[in-house]
């Protein structure tokens, strides 16, 4: 291939290459953002699970207190 042809090929393909590169960079950055959002959601879910555990514990303790009173 002659240098002029190679240069023309590069010029012809430059817009498609630029689009593909931009899309790749966008997806790489989006991956980071999506990971942060998922981690945030996981943290919220973990807090909710802990709250439910506390409510279950409180219910059991209330039941235990009522049973203790019934046996006195």
PDB file of N, CA and C in Angstrom:
ATOM      1  N   UNK A   1       0.848  -1.176   0.000  1.00  0.00           N
ATOM      2  CA  UNK A   1       0.000   0.000   0.000  1.00  0.00           C
ATOM      3  C   UNK A   1       0.896   1.242   0.000  1.00  0.00           C
ATOM      4  N   UNK A   2       0.513   2.177  -0.794  1.00  0.00           N
ATOM      5  CA  UNK A   2       1.275   3.429  -0.874  1.00  0.00           C
ATOM      6  C   UNK A   2       0.952   4.302   0.340  1.00  0.00           C
ATOM      7  N   UNK A   3       1.876   5.135   0.759  1.00  0.00           N
ATOM      8  CA  UNK A   3       1.640   6.005   1.918  1.00  0.00           C
ATOM      9  C   UNK A   3       0.418   6.896   1.739  1.00  0.00           C
ATOM     10  N   UNK A   4       0.171   7.357   0.505  1.00  0.00           N
ATOM     11  CA  UNK A   4      -0.999   8.206   0.269  1.00  0.00           C
ATOM     12  C   UNK A   4      -2.292   7.436   0.489  1.00  0.00           C
ATOM     13  N   UNK A   5      -2.296   6.193   0.061  1.00  0.00           N
ATOM     14  CA  UNK A   5      -3.489   5.347   0.262  1.00  0.00           C
ATOM     15  C   UNK A   5      -3.693   5.065   1.749  1.00  0.00           C
ATOM     16  N   UNK A   6      -2.619   4.794   2.444  1.00  0.00           N
ATOM     17  CA  UNK A   6      -2.713   4.538   3.885  1.00  0.00           C
ATOM     18  C   UNK A   6      -3.256   5.756   4.616  1.00  0.00           C
ATOM     19  N   UNK A   7      -2.757   6.929   4.233  1.00  0.00           N
ATOM     20  CA  UNK A   7      -3.234   8.159   4.869  1.00  0.00           C
ATOM     21  C   UNK A   7      -4.712   8.385   4.573  1.00  0.00           C
ATOM     22  N   UNK A   8      -5.143   8.092   3.340  1.00  0.00           N
ATOM     23  CA  UNK A   8      -6.545   8.270   2.978  1.00  0.00           C
ATOM     24  C   UNK A   8      -7.425   7.267   3.734  1.00  0.00           C
ATOM     25  N   UNK A   9      -6.931   6.054   3.898  1.00  0.00           N
ATOM     26  CA  UNK A   9      -7.672   5.043   4.658  1.00  0.00           C
ATOM     27  C   UNK A   9      -7.878   5.506   6.099  1.00  0.00           C
ATOM     28  N   UNK A  10      -6.835   6.062   6.669  1.00  0.00           N
ATOM     29  CA  UNK A  10      -6.946   6.577   8.042  1.00  0.00           C
ATOM     30  C   UNK A  10      -7.963   7.703   8.099  1.00  0.00           C
ATOM     31  N   UNK A  11      -7.914   8.610   7.131  1.00  0.00           N
ATOM     32  CA  UNK A  11      -8.880   9.717   7.115  1.00  0.00           C
ATOM     33  C   UNK A  11     -10.300   9.201   6.941  1.00  0.00           C
ATOM     34  N   UNK A  12     -10.465   8.202   6.104  1.00  0.00           N
ATOM     35  CA  UNK A  12     -11.804   7.646   5.866  1.00  0.00           C
ATOM     36  C   UNK A  12     -12.372   6.968   7.109  1.00  0.00           C
ATOM     37  N   UNK A  13     -11.511   6.306   7.844  1.00  0.00           N
ATOM     38  CA  UNK A  13     -11.968   5.536   9.007  1.00  0.00           C
ATOM     39  C   UNK A  13     -11.926   6.323  10.312  1.00  0.00           C
ATOM     40  N   UNK A  14     -11.382   7.513  10.296  1.00  0.00           N
ATOM     41  CA  UNK A  14     -11.232   8.311  11.515  1.00  0.00           C
ATOM     42  C   UNK A  14     -12.554   8.582  12.227  1.00  0.00           C
ATOM     43  N   UNK A  15     -13.638   8.965  11.524  1.00  0.00           N
ATOM     44  CA  UNK A  15     -14.892   9.223  12.244  1.00  0.00           C
ATOM     45  C   UNK A  15     -15.430   7.982  12.968  1.00  0.00           C
ATOM     46  N   UNK A  16     -15.401   6.838  12.290  1.00  0.00           N
ATOM     47  CA  UNK A  16     -15.881   5.604  12.928  1.00  0.00           C
ATOM     48  C   UNK A  16     -14.987   5.225  14.099  1.00  0.00           C
ATOM     49  N   UNK A  17     -13.669   5.391  13.936  1.00  0.00           N
ATOM     50  CA  UNK A  17     -12.740   5.096  15.016  1.00  0.00           C
ATOM     51  C   UNK A  17     -12.995   6.014  16.207  1.00  0.00           C
ATOM     52  N   UNK A  18     -13.209   7.289  15.925  1.00  0.00           N
ATOM     53  CA  UNK A  18     -13.495   8.242  17.003  1.00  0.00           C
ATOM     54  C   UNK A  18     -14.758   7.889  17.757  1.00  0.00           C
ATOM     55  N   UNK A  19     -15.803   7.511  17.024  1.00  0.00           N
ATOM     56  CA  UNK A  19     -17.066   7.100  17.667  1.00  0.00           C
ATOM     57  C   UNK A  19     -16.858   5.869  18.541  1.00  0.00           C
ATOM     58  N   UNK A  20     -16.153   4.890  18.017  1.00  0.00           N
ATOM     59  CA  UNK A  20     -15.912   3.661  18.777  1.00  0.00           C
ATOM     60  C   UNK A  20     -15.094   3.940  20.033  1.00  0.00           C
ATOM     61  N   UNK A  21     -14.091   4.778  19.907  1.00  0.00           N
ATOM     62  CA  UNK A  21     -13.255   5.107  21.061  1.00  0.00           C
ATOM     63  C   UNK A  21     -14.065   5.880  22.110  1.00  0.00           C
ATOM     64  N   UNK A  22     -14.879   6.809  21.652  1.00  0.00           N
ATOM     65  CA  UNK A  22     -15.717   7.570  22.580  1.00  0.00           C
ATOM     66  C   UNK A  22     -16.685   6.643  23.313  1.00  0.00           C
ATOM     67  N   UNK A  23     -17.268   5.700  22.592  1.00  0.00           N
ATOM     68  CA  UNK A  23     -18.196   4.742  23.206  1.00  0.00           C
ATOM     69  C   UNK A  23     -17.476   3.887  24.240  1.00  0.00           C
ATOM     70  N   UNK A  24     -16.251   3.460  23.916  1.00  0.00           N
ATOM     71  CA  UNK A  24     -15.475   2.657  24.867  1.00  0.00           C
ATOM     72  C   UNK A  24     -15.193   3.437  26.148  1.00  0.00           C
ATOM     73  N   UNK A  25     -14.768   4.671  26.003  1.00  0.00           N
ATOM     74  CA  UNK A  25     -14.467   5.496  27.177  1.00  0.00           C
ATOM     75  C   UNK A  25     -15.732   5.728  27.990  1.00  0.00           C
ATOM     76  N   UNK A  26     -16.838   6.000  27.311  1.00  0.00           N
ATOM     77  CA  UNK A  26     -18.117   6.213  28.001  1.00  0.00           C
ATOM     78  C   UNK A  26     -18.486   4.970  28.813  1.00  0.00           C
ATOM     79  N   UNK A  27     -18.391   3.810  28.201  1.00  0.00           N
ATOM     80  CA  UNK A  27     -18.758   2.570  28.895  1.00  0.00           C
ATOM     81  C   UNK A  27     -17.830   2.290  30.080  1.00  0.00           C
ATOM     82  N   UNK A  28     -16.549   2.579  29.932  1.00  0.00           N
ATOM     83  CA  UNK A  28     -15.626   2.385  31.049  1.00  0.00           C
ATOM     84  C   UNK A  28     -15.993   3.286  32.220  1.00  0.00           C
ATOM     85  N   UNK A  29     -16.319   4.528  31.943  1.00  0.00           N
ATOM     86  CA  UNK A  29     -16.702   5.462  33.006  1.00  0.00           C
ATOM     87  C   UNK A  29     -18.064   5.100  33.583  1.00  0.00           C
ATOM     88  N   UNK A  30     -18.992   4.680  32.729  1.00  0.00           N
ATOM     89  CA  UNK A  30     -20.317   4.283  33.188  1.00  0.00           C
ATOM     90  C   UNK A  30     -20.229   3.086  34.131  1.00  0.00           C
ATOM     91  N   UNK A  31     -19.306   2.178  33.828  1.00  0.00           N
ATOM     92  CA  UNK A  31     -19.112   1.003  34.685  1.00  0.00           C
ATOM     93  C   UNK A  31     -18.759   1.429  36.102  1.00  0.00           C
ATOM     94  N   UNK A  32     -17.907   2.428  36.224  1.00  0.00           N
ATOM     95  CA  UNK A  32     -17.522   2.921  37.547  1.00  0.00           C
ATOM     96  C   UNK A  32     -18.715   3.538  38.271  1.00  0.00           C
ATOM     97  N   UNK A  33     -19.494   4.324  37.535  1.00  0.00           N
ATOM     98  CA  UNK A  33     -20.673   4.959  38.136  1.00  0.00           C
ATOM     99  C   UNK A  33     -21.699   3.919  38.554  1.00  0.00           C
ATOM    100  N   UNK A  34     -21.925   2.944  37.689  1.00  0.00           N
ATOM    101  CA  UNK A  34     -22.907   1.903  37.986  1.00  0.00           C
ATOM    102  C   UNK A  34     -22.474   1.105  39.217  1.00  0.00           C
ATOM    103  N   UNK A  35     -21.201   0.807  39.325  1.00  0.00           N
ATOM    104  CA  UNK A  35     -20.687   0.073  40.484  1.00  0.00           C
ATOM    105  C   UNK A  35     -20.938   0.866  41.764  1.00  0.00           C
ATOM    106  N   UNK A  36     -20.692   2.173  41.719  1.00  0.00           N
ATOM    107  CA  UNK A  36     -20.923   3.012  42.897  1.00  0.00           C
ATOM    108  C   UNK A  36     -22.399   3.015  43.277  1.00  0.00           C
ATOM    109  N   UNK A  37     -23.278   3.091  42.286  1.00  0.00           N
ATOM    110  CA  UNK A  37     -24.722   3.072  42.571  1.00  0.00           C
ATOM    111  C   UNK A  37     -25.149   1.734  43.175  1.00  0.00           C
ATOM    112  N   UNK A  38     -24.628   0.654  42.631  1.00  0.00           N
ATOM    113  CA  UNK A  38     -24.973  -0.667  43.161  1.00  0.00           C
ATOM    114  C   UNK A  38     -24.459  -0.848  44.590  1.00  0.00           C
ATOM    115  N   UNK A  39     -23.272  -0.334  44.853  1.00  0.00           N
ATOM    116  CA  UNK A  39     -22.722  -0.435  46.209  1.00  0.00           C
ATOM    117  C   UNK A  39     -23.577   0.387  47.182  1.00  0.00           C
ATOM    118  N   UNK A  40     -24.031   1.541  46.728  1.00  0.00           N
ATOM    119  CA  UNK A  40     -24.888   2.372  47.565  1.00  0.00           C
ATOM    120  C   UNK A  40     -26.192   1.645  47.871  1.00  0.00           C
ATOM    121  N   UNK A  41     -26.793   1.023  46.848  1.00  0.00           N
ATOM    122  CA  UNK A  41     -28.023   0.264  47.058  1.00  0.00           C
ATOM    123  C   UNK A  41     -27.789  -0.915  47.998  1.00  0.00           C
ATOM    124  N   UNK A  42     -26.662  -1.587  47.845  1.00  0.00           N
ATOM    125  CA  UNK A  42     -26.359  -2.726  48.705  1.00  0.00           C
ATOM    126  C   UNK A  42     -26.232  -2.269  50.156  1.00  0.00           C
ATOM    127  N   UNK A  43     -25.614  -1.119  50.367  1.00  0.00           N
ATOM    128  CA  UNK A  43     -25.483  -0.582  51.717  1.00  0.00           C
ATOM    129  C   UNK A  43     -26.867  -0.310  52.301  1.00  0.00           C
ATOM    130  N   UNK A  44     -27.774   0.324  51.518  1.00  0.00           N
ATOM    131  CA  UNK A  44     -29.142   0.610  51.984  1.00  0.00           C
ATOM    132  C   UNK A  44     -29.839  -0.683  52.343  1.00  0.00           C
ATOM    133  N   UNK A  45     -29.681  -1.710  51.486  1.00  0.00           N
ATOM    134  CA  UNK A  45     -30.334  -2.998  51.747  1.00  0.00           C
ATOM    135  C   UNK A  45     -29.775  -3.633  53.016  1.00  0.00           C
ATOM    136  N   UNK A  46     -28.477  -3.476  53.225  1.00  0.00           N
ATOM    137  CA  UNK A  46     -27.866  -4.021  54.443  1.00  0.00           C
ATOM    138  C   UNK A  46     -28.414  -3.346  55.680  1.00  0.00           C
ATOM    139  N   UNK A  47     -28.626  -2.053  55.603  1.00  0.00           N
ATOM    140  CA  UNK A  47     -29.184  -1.313  56.735  1.00  0.00           C
ATOM    141  C   UNK A  47     -30.614  -1.768  56.992  1.00  0.00           C
ATOM    142  N   UNK A  48     -31.382  -1.957  55.928  1.00  0.00           N
ATOM    143  CA  UNK A  48     -32.761  -2.420  56.096  1.00  0.00           C
ATOM    144  C   UNK A  48     -32.802  -3.818  56.708  1.00  0.00           C
ATOM    145  N   UNK A  49     -31.893  -4.676  56.293  1.00  0.00           N
ATOM    146  CA  UNK A  49     -31.837  -6.025  56.855  1.00  0.00           C
ATOM    147  C   UNK A  49     -31.506  -5.955  58.346  1.00  0.00           C
ATOM    148  N   UNK A  50     -30.597  -5.077  58.723  1.00  0.00           N
ATOM    149  CA  UNK A  50     -30.249  -4.914  60.135  1.00  0.00           C
ATOM    150  C   UNK A  50     -31.448  -4.397  60.921  1.00  0.00           C
ATOM    151  N   UNK A  51     -32.199  -3.461  60.359  1.00  0.00           N
ATOM    152  CA  UNK A  51     -33.395  -2.951  61.031  1.00  0.00           C
ATOM    153  C   UNK A  51     -34.423  -4.062  61.242  1.00  0.00           C
ATOM    154  N   UNK A  52     -34.582  -4.904  60.225  1.00  0.00           N
ATOM    155  CA  UNK A  52     -35.512  -6.024  60.371  1.00  0.00           C
ATOM    156  C   UNK A  52     -35.051  -6.977  61.467  1.00  0.00           C
ATOM    157  N   UNK A  53     -33.747  -7.232  61.526  1.00  0.00           N
ATOM    158  CA  UNK A  53     -33.210  -8.087  62.594  1.00  0.00           C
ATOM    159  C   UNK A  53     -33.528  -7.498  63.969  1.00  0.00           C
ATOM    160  N   UNK A  54     -33.393  -6.200  64.098  1.00  0.00           N
ATOM    161  CA  UNK A  54     -33.701  -5.541  65.372  1.00  0.00           C
ATOM    162  C   UNK A  54     -35.181  -5.684  65.711  1.00  0.00           C
ATOM    163  N   UNK A  55     -36.041  -5.505  64.719  1.00  0.00           N
ATOM    164  CA  UNK A  55     -37.480  -5.641  64.956  1.00  0.00           C
ATOM    165  C   UNK A  55     -37.851  -7.061  65.363  1.00  0.00           C
ATOM    166  N   UNK A  56     -37.214  -8.042  64.738  1.00  0.00           N
ATOM    167  CA  UNK A  56     -37.459  -9.441  65.117  1.00  0.00           C
ATOM    168  C   UNK A  56     -37.017  -9.665  66.558  1.00  0.00           C
ATOM    169  N   UNK A  57     -35.834  -9.143  66.915  1.00  0.00           N
ATOM    170  CA  UNK A  57     -35.330  -9.282  68.276  1.00  0.00           C
ATOM    171  C   UNK A  57     -36.295  -8.625  69.272  1.00  0.00           C
ATOM    172  N   UNK A  58     -36.771  -7.437  68.940  1.00  0.00           N
ATOM    173  CA  UNK A  58     -37.698  -6.735  69.835  1.00  0.00           C
ATOM    174  C   UNK A  58     -38.991  -7.522  70.019  1.00  0.00           C
ATOM    175  N   UNK A  59     -39.484  -8.104  68.933  1.00  0.00           N
ATOM    176  CA  UNK A  59     -40.706  -8.902  69.027  1.00  0.00           C
ATOM    177  C   UNK A  59     -40.497 -10.132  69.910  1.00  0.00           C
ATOM    178  N   UNK A  60     -39.358 -10.783  69.749  1.00  0.00           N
ATOM    179  CA  UNK A  60     -39.066 -11.956  70.584  1.00  0.00           C
ATOM    180  C   UNK A  60     -38.943 -11.562  72.056  1.00  0.00           C
ATOM    181  N   UNK A  61     -38.290 -10.447  72.310  1.00  0.00           N
ATOM    182  CA  UNK A  61     -38.154  -9.989  73.687  1.00  0.00           C
ATOM    183  C   UNK A  61     -39.512  -9.650  74.298  1.00  0.00           C
ATOM    184  N   UNK A  62     -40.375  -9.036  73.514  1.00  0.00           N
ATOM    185  CA  UNK A  62     -41.715  -8.723  74.015  1.00  0.00           C
ATOM    186  C   UNK A  62     -42.483 -10.003  74.313  1.00  0.00           C
ATOM    187  N   UNK A  63     -42.345 -10.982  73.440  1.00  0.00           N
ATOM    188  CA  UNK A  63     -43.002 -12.276  73.668  1.00  0.00           C
ATOM    189  C   UNK A  63     -42.456 -12.925  74.926  1.00  0.00           C
ATOM    190  N   UNK A  64     -41.144 -12.893  75.099  1.00  0.00           N
ATOM    191  CA  UNK A  64     -40.533 -13.465  76.303  1.00  0.00           C
ATOM    192  C   UNK A  64     -41.036 -12.763  77.565  1.00  0.00           C
ATOM    193  N   UNK A  65     -41.153 -11.433  77.517  1.00  0.00           N
ATOM    194  CA  UNK A  65     -41.651 -10.698  78.683  1.00  0.00           C
ATOM    195  C   UNK A  65     -43.088 -11.103  78.991  1.00  0.00           C
ATOM    196  N   UNK A  66     -43.899 -11.242  77.966  1.00  0.00           N
ATOM    197  CA  UNK A  66     -45.299 -11.633  78.178  1.00  0.00           C
ATOM    198  C   UNK A  66     -45.386 -13.047  78.743  1.00  0.00           C
ATOM    199  N   UNK A  67     -44.535 -13.934  78.296  1.00  0.00           N
ATOM    200  CA  UNK A  67     -44.536 -15.307  78.823  1.00  0.00           C
ATOM    201  C   UNK A  67     -44.070 -15.320  80.269  1.00  0.00           C
ATOM    202  N   UNK A  68     -43.075 -14.495  80.598  1.00  0.00           N
ATOM    203  CA  UNK A  68     -42.600 -14.420  81.980  1.00  0.00           C
ATOM    204  C   UNK A  68     -43.710 -13.905  82.891  1.00  0.00           C
ATOM    205  N   UNK A  69     -44.439 -12.915  82.462  1.00  0.00           N
ATOM    206  CA  UNK A  69     -45.546 -12.374  83.264  1.00  0.00           C
ATOM    207  C   UNK A  69     -46.653 -13.389  83.445  1.00  0.00           C
ATOM    208  N   UNK A  70     -46.882 -14.190  82.406  1.00  0.00           N
ATOM    209  CA  UNK A  70     -47.952 -15.198  82.489  1.00  0.00           C
ATOM    210  C   UNK A  70     -47.605 -16.298  83.481  1.00  0.00           C
ATOM    211  N   UNK A  71     -46.321 -16.579  83.661  1.00  0.00           N
ATOM    212  CA  UNK A  71     -45.902 -17.635  84.579  1.00  0.00           C
ATOM    213  C   UNK A  71     -45.671 -17.161  86.012  1.00  0.00           C
ATOM    214  N   UNK A  72     -45.849 -15.886  86.272  1.00  0.00           N
ATOM    215  CA  UNK A  72     -45.625 -15.386  87.633  1.00  0.00           C
ATOM    216  C   UNK A  72     -46.885 -15.397  88.433  1.00  0.00           C
TER     217      UNK A  72
END
